[in-house]
Amino acid sequence: MEAVQEQDIDTLSSLEERITRAVQAITTLRSENQELKERLSATESELNSTRTARDEARGTCDEFRKENGGLESRLKEAQQELEGLRGERKQVKARIEKLLGQLDLISAT
């Protein structure tokens, strides 16, 4: 009878020990799960922040592209105007030289 009682006590102790380990494992897993949830939340928040920054950067880039296109257009216009003015300057210079030549002829006679 005493052997049966000892065996029951050992079985009970073994069961108690297994339950204690299971509780500890569950507690550890819950703690790890909570930590992972917090890390996931922080990572999702960082991801959203990064996406927002990316979208803002894209918007700024689009604005710069539009502005750059406008500036390129204005630059082409300015270059064309400059070429026109250079042509006019050559014409004026030639006419002035012609007039000076005529004045020289008048002065010589």
PDB file of N, CA and C in Angstrom:
ATOM      1  N   MET A   1       0.812  -1.187   0.000  1.00  0.00           N
ATOM      2  CA  MET A   1       0.000   0.000   0.000  1.00  0.00           C
ATOM      3  C   MET A   1       0.864   1.263   0.000  1.00  0.00           C
ATOM      4  N   GLU A   2       1.882   1.190   0.790  1.00  0.00           N
ATOM      5  CA  GLU A   2       2.788   2.328   0.863  1.00  0.00           C
ATOM      6  C   GLU A   2       3.468   2.571  -0.484  1.00  0.00           C
ATOM      7  N   ALA A   3       3.780   1.541  -1.235  1.00  0.00           N
ATOM      8  CA  ALA A   3       4.402   1.669  -2.554  1.00  0.00           C
ATOM      9  C   ALA A   3       3.435   2.331  -3.521  1.00  0.00           C
ATOM     10  N   VAL A   4       2.155   1.992  -3.392  1.00  0.00           N
ATOM     11  CA  VAL A   4       1.141   2.578  -4.270  1.00  0.00           C
ATOM     12  C   VAL A   4       1.009   4.064  -3.948  1.00  0.00           C
ATOM     13  N   GLN A   5       1.039   4.396  -2.644  1.00  0.00           N
ATOM     14  CA  GLN A   5       0.942   5.793  -2.242  1.00  0.00           C
ATOM     15  C   GLN A   5       2.149   6.586  -2.742  1.00  0.00           C
ATOM     16  N   GLU A   6       3.331   5.996  -2.622  1.00  0.00           N
ATOM     17  CA  GLU A   6       4.535   6.659  -3.101  1.00  0.00           C
ATOM     18  C   GLU A   6       4.479   6.849  -4.613  1.00  0.00           C
ATOM     19  N   GLN A   7       3.984   5.838  -5.292  1.00  0.00           N
ATOM     20  CA  GLN A   7       3.871   5.928  -6.745  1.00  0.00           C
ATOM     21  C   GLN A   7       2.852   7.014  -7.122  1.00  0.00           C
ATOM     22  N   ASP A   8       1.756   7.093  -6.394  1.00  0.00           N
ATOM     23  CA  ASP A   8       0.758   8.141  -6.641  1.00  0.00           C
ATOM     24  C   ASP A   8       1.347   9.527  -6.378  1.00  0.00           C
ATOM     25  N   ILE A   9       2.139   9.622  -5.303  1.00  0.00           N
ATOM     26  CA  ILE A   9       2.772  10.890  -4.974  1.00  0.00           C
ATOM     27  C   ILE A   9       3.779  11.272  -6.053  1.00  0.00           C
ATOM     28  N   ASP A  10       4.572  10.278  -6.516  1.00  0.00           N
ATOM     29  CA  ASP A  10       5.540  10.542  -7.587  1.00  0.00           C
ATOM     30  C   ASP A  10       4.825  10.956  -8.866  1.00  0.00           C
ATOM     31  N   THR A  11       3.719  10.268  -9.148  1.00  0.00           N
ATOM     32  CA  THR A  11       2.949  10.602 -10.338  1.00  0.00           C
ATOM     33  C   THR A  11       2.371  12.006 -10.203  1.00  0.00           C
ATOM     34  N   LEU A  12       1.870  12.322  -9.028  1.00  0.00           N
ATOM     35  CA  LEU A  12       1.312  13.638  -8.762  1.00  0.00           C
ATOM     36  C   LEU A  12       2.411  14.709  -8.835  1.00  0.00           C
ATOM     37  N   SER A  13       3.561  14.406  -8.264  1.00  0.00           N
ATOM     38  CA  SER A  13       4.691  15.340  -8.322  1.00  0.00           C
ATOM     39  C   SER A  13       5.141  15.546  -9.768  1.00  0.00           C
ATOM     40  N   SER A  14       5.179  14.468 -10.504  1.00  0.00           N
ATOM     41  CA  SER A  14       5.576  14.540 -11.912  1.00  0.00           C
ATOM     42  C   SER A  14       4.563  15.382 -12.694  1.00  0.00           C
ATOM     43  N   LEU A  15       3.287  15.144 -12.435  1.00  0.00           N
ATOM     44  CA  LEU A  15       2.243  15.910 -13.101  1.00  0.00           C
ATOM     45  C   LEU A  15       2.326  17.383 -12.706  1.00  0.00           C
ATOM     46  N   GLU A  16       2.537  17.626 -11.431  1.00  0.00           N
ATOM     47  CA  GLU A  16       2.656  18.995 -10.947  1.00  0.00           C
ATOM     48  C   GLU A  16       3.850  19.694 -11.605  1.00  0.00           C
ATOM     49  N   GLU A  17       4.944  18.987 -11.714  1.00  0.00           N
ATOM     50  CA  GLU A  17       6.144  19.544 -12.340  1.00  0.00           C
ATOM     51  C   GLU A  17       5.884  19.838 -13.824  1.00  0.00           C
ATOM     52  N   ARG A  18       5.220  18.945 -14.500  1.00  0.00           N
ATOM     53  CA  ARG A  18       4.902  19.148 -15.920  1.00  0.00           C
ATOM     54  C   ARG A  18       3.955  20.331 -16.103  1.00  0.00           C
ATOM     55  N   ILE A  19       2.982  20.448 -15.204  1.00  0.00           N
ATOM     56  CA  ILE A  19       2.042  21.569 -15.275  1.00  0.00           C
ATOM     57  C   ILE A  19       2.779  22.880 -15.016  1.00  0.00           C
ATOM     58  N   THR A  20       3.680  22.874 -14.045  1.00  0.00           N
ATOM     59  CA  THR A  20       4.466  24.073 -13.737  1.00  0.00           C
ATOM     60  C   THR A  20       5.306  24.481 -14.944  1.00  0.00           C
ATOM     61  N   ARG A  21       5.950  23.515 -15.592  1.00  0.00           N
ATOM     62  CA  ARG A  21       6.751  23.818 -16.795  1.00  0.00           C
ATOM     63  C   ARG A  21       5.858  24.328 -17.919  1.00  0.00           C
ATOM     64  N   ALA A  22       4.669  23.748 -18.065  1.00  0.00           N
ATOM     65  CA  ALA A  22       3.738  24.182 -19.102  1.00  0.00           C
ATOM     66  C   ALA A  22       3.295  25.623 -18.834  1.00  0.00           C
ATOM     67  N   VAL A  23       2.998  25.930 -17.576  1.00  0.00           N
ATOM     68  CA  VAL A  23       2.597  27.292 -17.206  1.00  0.00           C
ATOM     69  C   VAL A  23       3.738  28.266 -17.491  1.00  0.00           C
ATOM     70  N   GLN A  24       4.958  27.872 -17.126  1.00  0.00           N
ATOM     71  CA  GLN A  24       6.113  28.725 -17.399  1.00  0.00           C
ATOM     72  C   GLN A  24       6.299  28.921 -18.917  1.00  0.00           C
ATOM     73  N   ALA A  25       6.127  27.836 -19.670  1.00  0.00           N
ATOM     74  CA  ALA A  25       6.262  27.935 -21.131  1.00  0.00           C
ATOM     75  C   ALA A  25       5.190  28.853 -21.702  1.00  0.00           C
ATOM     76  N   ILE A  26       3.964  28.712 -21.213  1.00  0.00           N
ATOM     77  CA  ILE A  26       2.867  29.560 -21.684  1.00  0.00           C
ATOM     78  C   ILE A  26       3.139  31.022 -21.318  1.00  0.00           C
ATOM     79  N   THR A  27       3.602  31.251 -20.101  1.00  0.00           N
ATOM     80  CA  THR A  27       3.923  32.611 -19.662  1.00  0.00           C
ATOM     81  C   THR A  27       5.022  33.208 -20.539  1.00  0.00           C
ATOM     82  N   THR A  28       6.056  32.434 -20.805  1.00  0.00           N
ATOM     83  CA  THR A  28       7.150  32.890 -21.662  1.00  0.00           C
ATOM     84  C   THR A  28       6.642  33.174 -23.073  1.00  0.00           C
ATOM     85  N   LEU A  29       5.829  32.275 -23.607  1.00  0.00           N
ATOM     86  CA  LEU A  29       5.295  32.456 -24.956  1.00  0.00           C
ATOM     87  C   LEU A  29       4.392  33.686 -25.035  1.00  0.00           C
ATOM     88  N   ARG A  30       3.580  33.905 -24.007  1.00  0.00           N
ATOM     89  CA  ARG A  30       2.722  35.088 -23.992  1.00  0.00           C
ATOM     90  C   ARG A  30       3.563  36.366 -23.951  1.00  0.00           C
ATOM     91  N   SER A  31       4.616  36.337 -23.151  1.00  0.00           N
ATOM     92  CA  SER A  31       5.505  37.485 -23.056  1.00  0.00           C
ATOM     93  C   SER A  31       6.186  37.746 -24.404  1.00  0.00           C
ATOM     94  N   GLU A  32       6.680  36.686 -25.025  1.00  0.00           N
ATOM     95  CA  GLU A  32       7.311  36.823 -26.335  1.00  0.00           C
ATOM     96  C   GLU A  32       6.298  37.296 -27.376  1.00  0.00           C
ATOM     97  N   ASN A  33       5.089  36.767 -27.289  1.00  0.00           N
ATOM     98  CA  ASN A  33       4.035  37.174 -28.224  1.00  0.00           C
ATOM     99  C   ASN A  33       3.733  38.665 -28.080  1.00  0.00           C
ATOM    100  N   GLN A  34       3.641  39.141 -26.847  1.00  0.00           N
ATOM    101  CA  GLN A  34       3.385  40.559 -26.598  1.00  0.00           C
ATOM    102  C   GLN A  34       4.525  41.414 -27.141  1.00  0.00           C
ATOM    103  N   GLU A  35       5.749  40.966 -26.897  1.00  0.00           N
ATOM    104  CA  GLU A  35       6.915  41.696 -27.401  1.00  0.00           C
ATOM    105  C   GLU A  35       6.897  41.739 -28.934  1.00  0.00           C
ATOM    106  N   LEU A  36       6.551  40.629 -29.553  1.00  0.00           N
ATOM    107  CA  LEU A  36       6.484  40.587 -31.018  1.00  0.00           C
ATOM    108  C   LEU A  36       5.370  41.493 -31.548  1.00  0.00           C
ATOM    109  N   LYS A  37       4.251  41.522 -30.833  1.00  0.00           N
ATOM    110  CA  LYS A  37       3.156  42.419 -31.237  1.00  0.00           C
ATOM    111  C   LYS A  37       3.606  43.871 -31.173  1.00  0.00           C
ATOM    112  N   GLU A  38       4.336  44.224 -30.120  1.00  0.00           N
ATOM    113  CA  GLU A  38       4.827  45.585 -29.964  1.00  0.00           C
ATOM    114  C   GLU A  38       5.829  45.923 -31.067  1.00  0.00           C
ATOM    115  N   ARG A  39       6.720  44.979 -31.356  1.00  0.00           N
ATOM    116  CA  ARG A  39       7.695  45.203 -32.431  1.00  0.00           C
ATOM    117  C   ARG A  39       6.992  45.333 -33.776  1.00  0.00           C
ATOM    118  N   LEU A  40       5.969  44.500 -33.994  1.00  0.00           N
ATOM    119  CA  LEU A  40       5.204  44.571 -35.238  1.00  0.00           C
ATOM    120  C   LEU A  40       4.515  45.922 -35.357  1.00  0.00           C
ATOM    121  N   SER A  41       3.930  46.371 -34.268  1.00  0.00           N
ATOM    122  CA  SER A  41       3.251  47.671 -34.273  1.00  0.00           C
ATOM    123  C   SER A  41       4.248  48.797 -34.575  1.00  0.00           C
ATOM    124  N   ALA A  42       5.408  48.740 -33.937  1.00  0.00           N
ATOM    125  CA  ALA A  42       6.436  49.759 -34.178  1.00  0.00           C
ATOM    126  C   ALA A  42       6.914  49.710 -35.632  1.00  0.00           C
ATOM    127  N   THR A  43       7.079  48.509 -36.153  1.00  0.00           N
ATOM    128  CA  THR A  43       7.526  48.343 -37.537  1.00  0.00           C
ATOM    129  C   THR A  43       6.474  48.848 -38.511  1.00  0.00           C
ATOM    130  N   GLU A  44       5.208  48.561 -38.230  1.00  0.00           N
ATOM    131  CA  GLU A  44       4.128  49.062 -39.088  1.00  0.00           C
ATOM    132  C   GLU A  44       4.073  50.584 -39.047  1.00  0.00           C
ATOM    133  N   SER A  45       4.269  51.154 -37.873  1.00  0.00           N
ATOM    134  CA  SER A  45       4.282  52.607 -37.731  1.00  0.00           C
ATOM    135  C   SER A  45       5.441  53.202 -38.521  1.00  0.00           C
ATOM    136  N   GLU A  46       6.600  52.595 -38.407  1.00  0.00           N
ATOM    137  CA  GLU A  46       7.766  53.061 -39.162  1.00  0.00           C
ATOM    138  C   GLU A  46       7.532  52.919 -40.663  1.00  0.00           C
ATOM    139  N   LEU A  47       6.896  51.822 -41.066  1.00  0.00           N
ATOM    140  CA  LEU A  47       6.580  51.612 -42.480  1.00  0.00           C
ATOM    141  C   LEU A  47       5.645  52.701 -42.993  1.00  0.00           C
ATOM    142  N   ASN A  48       4.612  53.008 -42.218  1.00  0.00           N
ATOM    143  CA  ASN A  48       3.683  54.070 -42.613  1.00  0.00           C
ATOM    144  C   ASN A  48       4.394  55.420 -42.705  1.00  0.00           C
ATOM    145  N   SER A  49       5.265  55.683 -41.756  1.00  0.00           N
ATOM    146  CA  SER A  49       6.026  56.928 -41.765  1.00  0.00           C
ATOM    147  C   SER A  49       6.926  56.986 -42.998  1.00  0.00           C
ATOM    148  N   THR A  50       7.554  55.877 -43.315  1.00  0.00           N
ATOM    149  CA  THR A  50       8.432  55.811 -44.487  1.00  0.00           C
ATOM    150  C   THR A  50       7.633  55.986 -45.768  1.00  0.00           C
ATOM    151  N   ARG A  51       6.457  55.384 -45.827  1.00  0.00           N
ATOM    152  CA  ARG A  51       5.599  55.539 -47.009  1.00  0.00           C
ATOM    153  C   ARG A  51       5.170  56.997 -47.182  1.00  0.00           C
ATOM    154  N   THR A  52       4.832  57.630 -46.068  1.00  0.00           N
ATOM    155  CA  THR A  52       4.440  59.038 -46.124  1.00  0.00           C
ATOM    156  C   THR A  52       5.602  59.890 -46.636  1.00  0.00           C
ATOM    157  N   ALA A  53       6.782  59.640 -46.107  1.00  0.00           N
ATOM    158  CA  ALA A  53       7.966  60.391 -46.556  1.00  0.00           C
ATOM    159  C   ALA A  53       8.235  60.128 -48.037  1.00  0.00           C
ATOM    160  N   ARG A  54       8.060  58.880 -48.461  1.00  0.00           N
ATOM    161  CA  ARG A  54       8.267  58.533 -49.869  1.00  0.00           C
ATOM    162  C   ARG A  54       7.267  59.271 -50.748  1.00  0.00           C
ATOM    163  N   ASP A  55       6.008  59.294 -50.333  1.00  0.00           N
ATOM    164  CA  ASP A  55       4.978  59.971 -51.121  1.00  0.00           C
ATOM    165  C   ASP A  55       5.252  61.476 -51.206  1.00  0.00           C
ATOM    166  N   GLU A  56       5.694  62.060 -50.095  1.00  0.00           N
ATOM    167  CA  GLU A  56       6.039  63.478 -50.104  1.00  0.00           C
ATOM    168  C   GLU A  56       7.217  63.734 -51.037  1.00  0.00           C
ATOM    169  N   ALA A  57       8.202  62.842 -50.996  1.00  0.00           N
ATOM    170  CA  ALA A  57       9.371  62.992 -51.871  1.00  0.00           C
ATOM    171  C   ALA A  57       8.961  62.865 -53.337  1.00  0.00           C
ATOM    172  N   ARG A  58       8.057  61.947 -53.624  1.00  0.00           N
ATOM    173  CA  ARG A  58       7.571  61.802 -54.996  1.00  0.00           C
ATOM    174  C   ARG A  58       6.847  63.077 -55.450  1.00  0.00           C
ATOM    175  N   GLY A  59       6.032  63.630 -54.564  1.00  0.00           N
ATOM    176  CA  GLY A  59       5.320  64.860 -54.889  1.00  0.00           C
ATOM    177  C   GLY A  59       6.289  65.996 -55.164  1.00  0.00           C
ATOM    178  N   THR A  60       7.300  66.123 -54.322  1.00  0.00           N
ATOM    179  CA  THR A  60       8.312  67.156 -54.517  1.00  0.00           C
ATOM    180  C   THR A  60       9.055  66.927 -55.829  1.00  0.00           C
ATOM    181  N   CYS A  61       9.371  65.683 -56.100  1.00  0.00           N
ATOM    182  CA  CYS A  61      10.069  65.340 -57.347  1.00  0.00           C
ATOM    183  C   CYS A  61       9.213  65.713 -58.553  1.00  0.00           C
ATOM    184  N   ASP A  62       7.924  65.413 -58.494  1.00  0.00           N
ATOM    185  CA  ASP A  62       7.022  65.770 -59.594  1.00  0.00           C
ATOM    186  C   ASP A  62       6.978  67.291 -59.785  1.00  0.00           C
ATOM    187  N   GLU A  63       6.926  68.017 -58.672  1.00  0.00           N
ATOM    188  CA  GLU A  63       6.919  69.481 -58.753  1.00  0.00           C
ATOM    189  C   GLU A  63       8.198  69.991 -59.405  1.00  0.00           C
ATOM    190  N   PHE A  64       9.337  69.420 -59.001  1.00  0.00           N
ATOM    191  CA  PHE A  64      10.613  69.825 -59.591  1.00  0.00           C
ATOM    192  C   PHE A  64      10.662  69.496 -61.086  1.00  0.00           C
ATOM    193  N   ARG A  65      10.102  68.361 -61.454  1.00  0.00           N
ATOM    194  CA  ARG A  65      10.088  67.992 -62.874  1.00  0.00           C
ATOM    195  C   ARG A  65       9.266  68.986 -63.682  1.00  0.00           C
ATOM    196  N   LYS A  66       8.103  69.340 -63.146  1.00  0.00           N
ATOM    197  CA  LYS A  66       7.270  70.327 -63.836  1.00  0.00           C
ATOM    198  C   LYS A  66       7.992  71.668 -63.939  1.00  0.00           C
ATOM    199  N   GLU A  67       8.578  72.078 -62.823  1.00  0.00           N
ATOM    200  CA  GLU A  67       9.309  73.346 -62.803  1.00  0.00           C
ATOM    201  C   GLU A  67      10.482  73.291 -63.773  1.00  0.00           C
ATOM    202  N   ASN A  68      11.176  72.172 -63.792  1.00  0.00           N
ATOM    203  CA  ASN A  68      12.315  71.999 -64.687  1.00  0.00           C
ATOM    204  C   ASN A  68      11.862  72.076 -66.142  1.00  0.00           C
ATOM    205  N   GLY A  69      10.715  71.459 -66.448  1.00  0.00           N
ATOM    206  CA  GLY A  69      10.182  71.524 -67.814  1.00  0.00           C
ATOM    207  C   GLY A  69       9.886  72.957 -68.210  1.00  0.00           C
ATOM    208  N   GLY A  70       9.305  73.719 -67.301  1.00  0.00           N
ATOM    209  CA  GLY A  70       9.021  75.122 -67.562  1.00  0.00           C
ATOM    210  C   GLY A  70      10.295  75.921 -67.755  1.00  0.00           C
ATOM    211  N   LEU A  71      11.297  75.631 -66.918  1.00  0.00           N
ATOM    212  CA  LEU A  71      12.566  76.348 -67.040  1.00  0.00           C
ATOM    213  C   LEU A  71      13.269  76.004 -68.348  1.00  0.00           C
ATOM    214  N   GLU A  72      13.187  74.750 -68.749  1.00  0.00           N
ATOM    215  CA  GLU A  72      13.797  74.353 -70.020  1.00  0.00           C
ATOM    216  C   GLU A  72      13.121  75.083 -71.179  1.00  0.00           C
ATOM    217  N   SER A  73      11.814  75.209 -71.104  1.00  0.00           N
ATOM    218  CA  SER A  73      11.066  75.915 -72.136  1.00  0.00           C
ATOM    219  C   SER A  73      11.481  77.389 -72.181  1.00  0.00           C
ATOM    220  N   ARG A  74      11.569  77.999 -71.009  1.00  0.00           N
ATOM    221  CA  ARG A  74      11.983  79.399 -70.939  1.00  0.00           C
ATOM    222  C   ARG A  74      13.414  79.576 -71.437  1.00  0.00           C
ATOM    223  N   LEU A  75      14.280  78.616 -71.124  1.00  0.00           N
ATOM    224  CA  LEU A  75      15.663  78.673 -71.584  1.00  0.00           C
ATOM    225  C   LEU A  75      15.721  78.619 -73.115  1.00  0.00           C
ATOM    226  N   LYS A  76      14.944  77.733 -73.724  1.00  0.00           N
ATOM    227  CA  LYS A  76      14.913  77.653 -75.187  1.00  0.00           C
ATOM    228  C   LYS A  76      14.445  78.969 -75.792  1.00  0.00           C
ATOM    229  N   GLU A  77      13.400  79.538 -75.184  1.00  0.00           N
ATOM    230  CA  GLU A  77      12.894  80.832 -75.674  1.00  0.00           C
ATOM    231  C   GLU A  77      13.958  81.906 -75.559  1.00  0.00           C
ATOM    232  N   ALA A  78      14.661  81.930 -74.431  1.00  0.00           N
ATOM    233  CA  ALA A  78      15.714  82.935 -74.215  1.00  0.00           C
ATOM    234  C   ALA A  78      16.848  82.736 -75.214  1.00  0.00           C
ATOM    235  N   GLN A  79      17.204  81.482 -75.479  1.00  0.00           N
ATOM    236  CA  GLN A  79      18.262  81.207 -76.448  1.00  0.00           C
ATOM    237  C   GLN A  79      17.848  81.659 -77.848  1.00  0.00           C
ATOM    238  N   GLN A  80      16.602  81.405 -78.203  1.00  0.00           N
ATOM    239  CA  GLN A  80      16.110  81.840 -79.515  1.00  0.00           C
ATOM    240  C   GLN A  80      16.100  83.360 -79.608  1.00  0.00           C
ATOM    241  N   GLU A  81      15.659  84.002 -78.538  1.00  0.00           N
ATOM    242  CA  GLU A  81      15.642  85.470 -78.520  1.00  0.00           C
ATOM    243  C   GLU A  81      17.065  86.017 -78.636  1.00  0.00           C
ATOM    244  N   LEU A  82      18.013  85.393 -77.943  1.00  0.00           N
ATOM    245  CA  LEU A  82      19.408  85.818 -77.995  1.00  0.00           C
ATOM    246  C   LEU A  82      19.949  85.683 -79.421  1.00  0.00           C
ATOM    247  N   GLU A  83      19.639  84.575 -80.062  1.00  0.00           N
ATOM    248  CA  GLU A  83      20.087  84.387 -81.448  1.00  0.00           C
ATOM    249  C   GLU A  83      19.481  85.459 -82.357  1.00  0.00           C
ATOM    250  N   GLY A  84      18.215  85.763 -82.143  1.00  0.00           N
ATOM    251  CA  GLY A  84      17.566  86.824 -82.917  1.00  0.00           C
ATOM    252  C   GLY A  84      18.237  88.167 -82.711  1.00  0.00           C
ATOM    253  N   LEU A  85      18.539  88.487 -81.445  1.00  0.00           N
ATOM    254  CA  LEU A  85      19.200  89.755 -81.133  1.00  0.00           C
ATOM    255  C   LEU A  85      20.599  89.814 -81.733  1.00  0.00           C
ATOM    256  N   ARG A  86      21.301  88.698 -81.721  1.00  0.00           N
ATOM    257  CA  ARG A  86      22.634  88.669 -82.337  1.00  0.00           C
ATOM    258  C   ARG A  86      22.533  88.934 -83.842  1.00  0.00           C
ATOM    259  N   GLY A  87      21.524  88.346 -84.465  1.00  0.00           N
ATOM    260  CA  GLY A  87      21.314  88.585 -85.899  1.00  0.00           C
ATOM    261  C   GLY A  87      21.011  90.044 -86.174  1.00  0.00           C
ATOM    262  N   GLU A  88      20.145  90.633 -85.339  1.00  0.00           N
ATOM    263  CA  GLU A  88      19.813  92.054 -85.497  1.00  0.00           C
ATOM    264  C   GLU A  88      21.057  92.919 -85.300  1.00  0.00           C
ATOM    265  N   ARG A  89      21.874  92.563 -84.324  1.00  0.00           N
ATOM    266  CA  ARG A  89      23.095  93.326 -84.052  1.00  0.00           C
ATOM    267  C   ARG A  89      24.022  93.300 -85.268  1.00  0.00           C
ATOM    268  N   LYS A  90      24.142  92.135 -85.895  1.00  0.00           N
ATOM    269  CA  LYS A  90      24.985  92.028 -87.093  1.00  0.00           C
ATOM    270  C   LYS A  90      24.440  92.927 -88.212  1.00  0.00           C
ATOM    271  N   GLN A  91      23.119  92.934 -88.359  1.00  0.00           N
ATOM    272  CA  GLN A  91      22.508  93.777 -89.394  1.00  0.00           C
ATOM    273  C   GLN A  91      22.754  95.261 -89.116  1.00  0.00           C
ATOM    274  N   VAL A  92      22.563  95.662 -87.852  1.00  0.00           N
ATOM    275  CA  VAL A  92      22.769  97.060 -87.471  1.00  0.00           C
ATOM    276  C   VAL A  92      24.229  97.430 -87.678  1.00  0.00           C
ATOM    277  N   LYS A  93      25.128  96.550 -87.296  1.00  0.00           N
ATOM    278  CA  LYS A  93      26.554  96.815 -87.456  1.00  0.00           C
ATOM    279  C   LYS A  93      26.894  96.996 -88.939  1.00  0.00           C
ATOM    280  N   ALA A  94      26.342  96.131 -89.777  1.00  0.00           N
ATOM    281  CA  ALA A  94      26.609  96.230 -91.222  1.00  0.00           C
ATOM    282  C   ALA A  94      26.050  97.537 -91.781  1.00  0.00           C
ATOM    283  N   ARG A  95      24.885  97.930 -91.363  1.00  0.00           N
ATOM    284  CA  ARG A  95      24.274  99.175 -91.853  1.00  0.00           C
ATOM    285  C   ARG A  95      25.082 100.394 -91.400  1.00  0.00           C
ATOM    286  N   ILE A  96      25.530 100.352 -90.128  1.00  0.00           N
ATOM    287  CA  ILE A  96      26.337 101.469 -89.614  1.00  0.00           C
ATOM    288  C   ILE A  96      27.645 101.560 -90.391  1.00  0.00           C
ATOM    289  N   GLU A  97      28.279 100.412 -90.657  1.00  0.00           N
ATOM    290  CA  GLU A  97      29.525 100.424 -91.421  1.00  0.00           C
ATOM    291  C   GLU A  97      29.281 100.981 -92.827  1.00  0.00           C
ATOM    292  N   LYS A  98      28.149 100.626 -93.419  1.00  0.00           N
ATOM    293  CA  LYS A  98      27.797 101.132 -94.746  1.00  0.00           C
ATOM    294  C   LYS A  98      27.627 102.653 -94.703  1.00  0.00           C
ATOM    295  N   LEU A  99      26.895 103.122 -93.658  1.00  0.00           N
ATOM    296  CA  LEU A  99      26.687 104.569 -93.519  1.00  0.00           C
ATOM    297  C   LEU A  99      28.011 105.300 -93.288  1.00  0.00           C
ATOM    298  N   LEU A 100      28.884 104.717 -92.463  1.00  0.00           N
ATOM    299  CA  LEU A 100      30.187 105.339 -92.206  1.00  0.00           C
ATOM    300  C   LEU A 100      31.007 105.384 -93.491  1.00  0.00           C
ATOM    301  N   GLY A 101      30.876 104.322 -94.271  1.00  0.00           N
ATOM    302  CA  GLY A 101      31.586 104.307 -95.559  1.00  0.00           C
ATOM    303  C   GLY A 101      31.069 105.417 -96.470  1.00  0.00           C
ATOM    304  N   GLN A 102      29.786 105.645 -96.480  1.00  0.00           N
ATOM    305  CA  GLN A 102      29.203 106.700 -97.299  1.00  0.00           C
ATOM    306  C   GLN A 102      29.654 108.088 -96.774  1.00  0.00           C
ATOM    307  N   LEU A 103      29.708 108.226 -95.431  1.00  0.00           N
ATOM    308  CA  LEU A 103      30.193 109.485 -94.852  1.00  0.00           C
ATOM    309  C   LEU A 103      31.642 109.733 -95.242  1.00  0.00           C
ATOM    310  N   ASP A 104      32.439 108.678 -95.251  1.00  0.00           N
ATOM    311  CA  ASP A 104      33.849 108.813 -95.664  1.00  0.00           C
ATOM    312  C   ASP A 104      33.929 109.272 -97.114  1.00  0.00           C
ATOM    313  N   LEU A 105      33.052 108.742 -97.948  1.00  0.00           N
ATOM    314  CA  LEU A 105      33.054 109.156 -99.365  1.00  0.00           C
ATOM    315  C   LEU A 105      32.679 110.632 -99.499  1.00  0.00           C
ATOM    316  N   ILE A 106      31.697 111.051 -98.706  1.00  0.00           N
ATOM    317  CA  ILE A 106      31.271 112.448 -98.748  1.00  0.00           C
ATOM    318  C   ILE A 106      32.396 113.339 -98.243  1.00  0.00           C
ATOM    319  N   SER A 107      33.077 112.920 -97.192  1.00  0.00           N
ATOM    320  CA  SER A 107      34.159 113.705 -96.607  1.00  0.00           C
ATOM    321  C   SER A 107      35.343 113.790 -97.563  1.00  0.00           C
ATOM    322  N   ALA A 108      35.555 112.768 -98.342  1.00  0.00           N
ATOM    323  CA  ALA A 108      36.694 112.720 -99.233  1.00  0.00           C
ATOM    324  C   ALA A 108      36.494 113.622-100.433  1.00  0.00           C
ATOM    325  N   THR A 109      35.283 113.875-100.785  1.00  0.00           N
ATOM    326  CA  THR A 109      35.033 114.682-101.995  1.00  0.00           C
ATOM    327  C   THR A 109      34.920 116.125-101.728  1.00  0.00           C
TER     328      THR A 109
END
